[in-house]
Amino acid sequence: MIFVVELKGARRLAFEAAHEEQASSFARTAWFNDALTRYFASKNAGRSEVDLKHAIRPATQEEESIYRDFAREFTDLTGCFLFAPVSKLQGIR
């Protein structure tokens, strides 16, 4: 299943988990939150703090499609956890 982590500022990243419990479990881990911090720090040059208050939800069909298209580009990477940006969908800001 594909899930979306929604962060303050309407930023959304999709990721894959076996089920909702696993997605929620991922969101509570240090490595997950460290990855979010690094991702958004790299996107906000000059801004040292990133608000990591977030919510996890199942992806919409459109978000899932974007995730799958993005993930196809990285099929040769095994054993990796992939976040795919889905914030710039039409109608989502």
C-alpha atoms as a PDB file:
ATOM      1  CA  MET A   1       0.000   0.000   0.000  1.00  0.00           C
ATOM      2  CA  ILE A   2       1.075   3.570  -0.595  1.00  0.00           C
ATOM      3  CA  PHE A   3       0.794   6.128   2.178  1.00  0.00           C
ATOM      4  CA  VAL A   4       1.346   9.856   2.334  1.00  0.00           C
ATOM      5  CA  VAL A   5       3.036  11.775   5.096  1.00  0.00           C
ATOM      6  CA  GLU A   6       1.616  15.295   5.287  1.00  0.00           C
ATOM      7  CA  LEU A   7       3.820  17.926   6.852  1.00  0.00           C
ATOM      8  CA  LYS A   8       3.153  21.494   7.865  1.00  0.00           C
ATOM      9  CA  GLY A   9       3.124  23.765   4.850  1.00  0.00           C
ATOM     10  CA  ALA A  10       1.120  21.315   2.706  1.00  0.00           C
ATOM     11  CA  ARG A  11       4.184  19.259   1.828  1.00  0.00           C
ATOM     12  CA  ARG A  12       3.435  15.652   0.993  1.00  0.00           C
ATOM     13  CA  LEU A  13       5.697  12.659   0.492  1.00  0.00           C
ATOM     14  CA  ALA A  14       4.474   9.212  -0.496  1.00  0.00           C
ATOM     15  CA  PHE A  15       6.024   5.960   0.682  1.00  0.00           C
ATOM     16  CA  GLU A  16       5.200   2.267   0.651  1.00  0.00           C
ATOM     17  CA  ALA A  17       4.281   0.062   3.598  1.00  0.00           C
ATOM     18  CA  ALA A  18       2.626  -3.326   3.889  1.00  0.00           C
ATOM     19  CA  HIS A  19      -0.323  -1.934   5.859  1.00  0.00           C
ATOM     20  CA  GLU A  20      -1.460   1.049   7.912  1.00  0.00           C
ATOM     21  CA  GLU A  21       0.043  -0.256  11.147  1.00  0.00           C
ATOM     22  CA  GLN A  22       3.453  -0.557   9.503  1.00  0.00           C
ATOM     23  CA  ALA A  23       3.167   2.952   8.023  1.00  0.00           C
ATOM     24  CA  SER A  24       2.361   4.363  11.461  1.00  0.00           C
ATOM     25  CA  SER A  25       5.211   2.377  12.967  1.00  0.00           C
ATOM     26  CA  PHE A  26       7.642   3.795  10.389  1.00  0.00           C
ATOM     27  CA  ALA A  27       6.491   7.328  11.241  1.00  0.00           C
ATOM     28  CA  ARG A  28       7.478   6.827  14.880  1.00  0.00           C
ATOM     29  CA  THR A  29      11.042   5.762  14.143  1.00  0.00           C
ATOM     30  CA  ALA A  30      14.096   7.994  14.377  1.00  0.00           C
ATOM     31  CA  TRP A  31      15.357   7.009  10.896  1.00  0.00           C
ATOM     32  CA  PHE A  32      12.037   8.025   9.282  1.00  0.00           C
ATOM     33  CA  ASN A  33      12.018  11.410  10.997  1.00  0.00           C
ATOM     34  CA  ASP A  34      15.726  11.926  10.278  1.00  0.00           C
ATOM     35  CA  ALA A  35      15.069  11.248   6.586  1.00  0.00           C
ATOM     36  CA  LEU A  36      12.236  13.797   6.559  1.00  0.00           C
ATOM     37  CA  THR A  37      14.441  16.355   8.283  1.00  0.00           C
ATOM     38  CA  ARG A  38      17.273  15.861   5.781  1.00  0.00           C
ATOM     39  CA  TYR A  39      14.904  15.955   2.797  1.00  0.00           C
ATOM     40  CA  PHE A  40      13.214  19.188   3.802  1.00  0.00           C
ATOM     41  CA  ALA A  41      16.409  20.834   5.033  1.00  0.00           C
ATOM     42  CA  SER A  42      17.874  20.263   1.562  1.00  0.00           C
ATOM     43  CA  LYS A  43      14.792  21.866   0.005  1.00  0.00           C
ATOM     44  CA  ASN A  44      14.853  24.854   2.390  1.00  0.00           C
ATOM     45  CA  ALA A  45      18.410  26.111   2.067  1.00  0.00           C
ATOM     46  CA  GLY A  46      19.084  28.681   4.726  1.00  0.00           C
ATOM     47  CA  ARG A  47      16.305  27.413   6.950  1.00  0.00           C
ATOM     48  CA  SER A  48      17.703  25.287   9.736  1.00  0.00           C
ATOM     49  CA  GLU A  49      14.484  24.116  11.362  1.00  0.00           C
ATOM     50  CA  VAL A  50      11.938  21.804   9.842  1.00  0.00           C
ATOM     51  CA  ASP A  51       8.536  21.303  11.468  1.00  0.00           C
ATOM     52  CA  LEU A  52       8.093  17.538  11.579  1.00  0.00           C
ATOM     53  CA  LYS A  53       4.555  17.477  12.911  1.00  0.00           C
ATOM     54  CA  HIS A  54       2.954  15.156  10.450  1.00  0.00           C
ATOM     55  CA  ALA A  55       0.028  12.903   9.720  1.00  0.00           C
ATOM     56  CA  ILE A  56       0.020   9.618   7.826  1.00  0.00           C
ATOM     57  CA  ARG A  57      -2.856   8.633   5.551  1.00  0.00           C
ATOM     58  CA  PRO A  58      -3.503   6.272   2.648  1.00  0.00           C
ATOM     59  CA  ALA A  59      -2.578   7.798  -0.714  1.00  0.00           C
ATOM     60  CA  THR A  60      -5.223   8.892  -3.185  1.00  0.00           C
ATOM     61  CA  GLN A  61      -5.255   7.131  -6.563  1.00  0.00           C
ATOM     62  CA  GLU A  62      -3.473  10.086  -8.131  1.00  0.00           C
ATOM     63  CA  GLU A  63      -0.784  10.134  -5.421  1.00  0.00           C
ATOM     64  CA  GLU A  64      -0.307   6.378  -5.744  1.00  0.00           C
ATOM     65  CA  SER A  65       0.117   6.717  -9.506  1.00  0.00           C
ATOM     66  CA  ILE A  66       2.757   9.427  -9.055  1.00  0.00           C
ATOM     67  CA  TYR A  67       4.562   7.298  -6.472  1.00  0.00           C
ATOM     68  CA  ARG A  68       4.583   4.251  -8.768  1.00  0.00           C
ATOM     69  CA  ASP A  69       5.900   6.312 -11.704  1.00  0.00           C
ATOM     70  CA  PHE A  70       8.614   7.807  -9.497  1.00  0.00           C
ATOM     71  CA  ALA A  71       9.535   4.408  -8.015  1.00  0.00           C
ATOM     72  CA  ARG A  72       9.977   2.870 -11.486  1.00  0.00           C
ATOM     73  CA  GLU A  73      12.992   5.133 -11.945  1.00  0.00           C
ATOM     74  CA  PHE A  74      14.662   3.463  -8.958  1.00  0.00           C
ATOM     75  CA  THR A  75      13.843  -0.202  -9.558  1.00  0.00           C
ATOM     76  CA  ASP A  76      17.531  -1.131  -9.559  1.00  0.00           C
ATOM     77  CA  LEU A  77      17.915   0.046  -5.950  1.00  0.00           C
ATOM     78  CA  THR A  78      17.063  -2.746  -3.559  1.00  0.00           C
ATOM     79  CA  GLY A  79      16.853  -2.528   0.192  1.00  0.00           C
ATOM     80  CA  CYS A  80      16.085   1.194   0.099  1.00  0.00           C
ATOM     81  CA  PHE A  81      13.218   3.170   1.525  1.00  0.00           C
ATOM     82  CA  LEU A  82      11.779   5.589  -1.026  1.00  0.00           C
ATOM     83  CA  PHE A  83       9.965   8.863  -0.430  1.00  0.00           C
ATOM     84  CA  ALA A  84       8.340  10.348  -3.531  1.00  0.00           C
ATOM     85  CA  PRO A  85       7.226  13.977  -3.553  1.00  0.00           C
ATOM     86  CA  VAL A  86       3.535  14.376  -4.374  1.00  0.00           C
ATOM     87  CA  SER A  87       2.947  17.962  -3.173  1.00  0.00           C
ATOM     88  CA  LYS A  88       2.670  19.519  -6.599  1.00  0.00           C
ATOM     89  CA  LEU A  89      -0.450  17.693  -7.679  1.00  0.00           C
ATOM     90  CA  GLN A  90      -3.048  19.805  -9.383  1.00  0.00           C
ATOM     91  CA  GLY A  91      -5.427  21.154  -6.775  1.00  0.00           C
ATOM     92  CA  ILE A  92      -3.141  20.294  -3.855  1.00  0.00           C
ATOM     93  CA  ARG A  93      -0.890  22.949  -2.395  1.00  0.00           C
END
